Protein backbone atom coordinates (compact mmCIF):
# COMPACT_ATOMS: atom_id res chain seq x y z
CA UNK A 1 18.71 -9.50 78.78
CA UNK A 2 15.89 -7.18 79.72
CA UNK A 3 12.87 -6.45 77.50
CA UNK A 4 10.83 -3.41 78.43
CA UNK A 5 7.09 -3.31 77.72
CA UNK A 6 5.89 -0.40 75.66
CA UNK A 7 3.89 0.96 72.77
CA UNK A 8 4.74 3.12 69.77
CA UNK A 9 2.21 4.81 67.46
CA UNK A 10 2.78 5.96 63.89
CA UNK A 11 1.03 7.97 61.22
CA UNK A 12 0.98 6.26 57.82
CA UNK A 13 1.55 8.73 55.02
CA UNK A 14 1.36 8.62 51.27
CA UNK A 15 3.07 11.62 49.80
CA UNK A 16 2.01 14.63 51.85
CA UNK A 17 -1.21 13.23 53.36
CA UNK A 18 -1.91 10.83 56.17
CA UNK A 19 -3.75 7.71 54.95
CA UNK A 20 -3.76 5.67 58.15
CA UNK A 21 -2.12 4.77 61.42
CA UNK A 22 -0.06 1.96 62.91
CA UNK A 23 1.03 0.77 66.33
CA UNK A 24 3.56 -1.64 67.78
CA UNK A 25 3.33 -2.98 71.32
CA UNK A 26 5.45 -5.23 73.49
CA UNK A 27 4.04 -6.91 76.59
CA UNK A 28 6.08 -9.04 78.96
CA UNK A 29 5.00 -11.83 81.31
CA UNK A 30 6.87 -14.31 83.48
CA UNK A 31 7.11 -16.94 80.71
CA UNK A 32 6.64 -15.07 77.44
CA UNK A 33 6.91 -11.85 75.49
CA UNK A 34 4.05 -10.77 73.23
CA UNK A 35 4.55 -8.42 70.30
CA UNK A 36 1.69 -6.91 68.33
CA UNK A 37 1.72 -4.75 65.21
CA UNK A 38 -1.42 -3.15 63.81
CA UNK A 39 -1.82 -1.15 60.61
CA UNK A 40 -4.87 0.55 59.10
CA UNK A 41 -4.58 2.50 55.84
CA UNK A 42 -6.86 3.79 53.11
CA UNK A 43 -5.05 2.82 49.92
CA UNK A 44 -5.94 4.05 46.44
CA UNK A 45 -6.78 1.19 44.06
CA UNK A 46 -8.66 1.52 40.79
CA UNK A 47 -9.44 5.18 41.33
CA UNK A 48 -11.06 4.59 44.74
CA UNK A 49 -9.84 4.43 48.31
CA UNK A 50 -9.89 0.97 49.94
CA UNK A 51 -9.39 0.25 53.63
CA UNK A 52 -6.61 -2.26 54.38
CA UNK A 53 -5.95 -3.67 57.83
CA UNK A 54 -2.96 -5.79 58.82
CA UNK A 55 -2.29 -7.34 62.21
CA UNK A 56 0.64 -9.40 63.47
CA UNK A 57 0.69 -11.15 66.86
CA UNK A 58 3.88 -12.95 67.91
CA UNK A 59 4.56 -14.88 71.13
CA UNK A 60 8.19 -15.35 72.12
CA UNK A 61 9.81 -17.31 74.90
CA UNK A 62 11.90 -15.37 77.39
CA UNK A 63 14.96 -16.47 75.37
CA UNK A 64 13.39 -14.70 72.32
CA UNK A 65 12.42 -17.86 70.41
CA UNK A 66 9.18 -17.67 68.43
CA UNK A 67 6.55 -20.01 69.86
CA UNK A 68 3.44 -18.85 67.99
CA UNK A 69 2.42 -16.20 65.47
CA UNK A 70 -0.63 -14.97 63.58
CA UNK A 71 -0.71 -12.62 60.62
CA UNK A 72 -3.94 -11.33 59.13
CA UNK A 73 -4.57 -8.99 56.23
CA UNK A 74 -8.00 -7.69 55.37
CA UNK A 75 -8.19 -5.70 52.15
CA UNK A 76 -10.22 -6.82 49.13
CA UNK A 77 -10.27 -10.40 50.44
CA UNK A 78 -9.07 -11.65 53.84
CA UNK A 79 -5.83 -13.57 54.32
CA UNK A 80 -4.62 -15.24 57.51
CA UNK A 81 -1.50 -17.22 58.40
CA UNK A 82 -0.99 -18.91 61.76
CA UNK A 83 2.13 -20.73 62.86
CA UNK A 84 3.23 -22.71 65.88
CA UNK A 85 6.83 -23.75 66.51
CA UNK A 86 7.34 -27.18 68.03
CA UNK A 87 10.72 -28.18 69.35
CA UNK A 88 13.64 -26.34 67.80
CA UNK A 89 12.90 -26.73 64.09
CA UNK A 90 9.29 -27.77 63.32
CA UNK A 91 6.84 -25.11 62.15
CA UNK A 92 3.16 -25.98 61.82
CA UNK A 93 1.69 -23.43 59.43
CA UNK A 94 -1.96 -22.86 58.45
CA UNK A 95 -2.92 -20.38 55.71
CA UNK A 96 -6.41 -19.32 54.70
CA UNK A 97 -7.43 -16.85 52.03
CA UNK A 98 -10.68 -15.57 50.58
């Protein structure tokens, strides 16, 4: 199976106006495939606009098995989850918030 590197960019819309942007990228190497998603949006909360940022980084083996991932969300308070897969069924997960 062949995975082609590339990038895609998006406008994030709410109703008829653009409130942010997003991107998805795939990068290939000899031993792994890296996928990254990035989102920035100004979201209305409590009558004001608040900036929210989300990022996902995933490392896959060439056979498309997840080996490591990180997810972070920064809005009112930061949140981060990191995971590492060991063997074929063990997931070590660390979560931090606030």
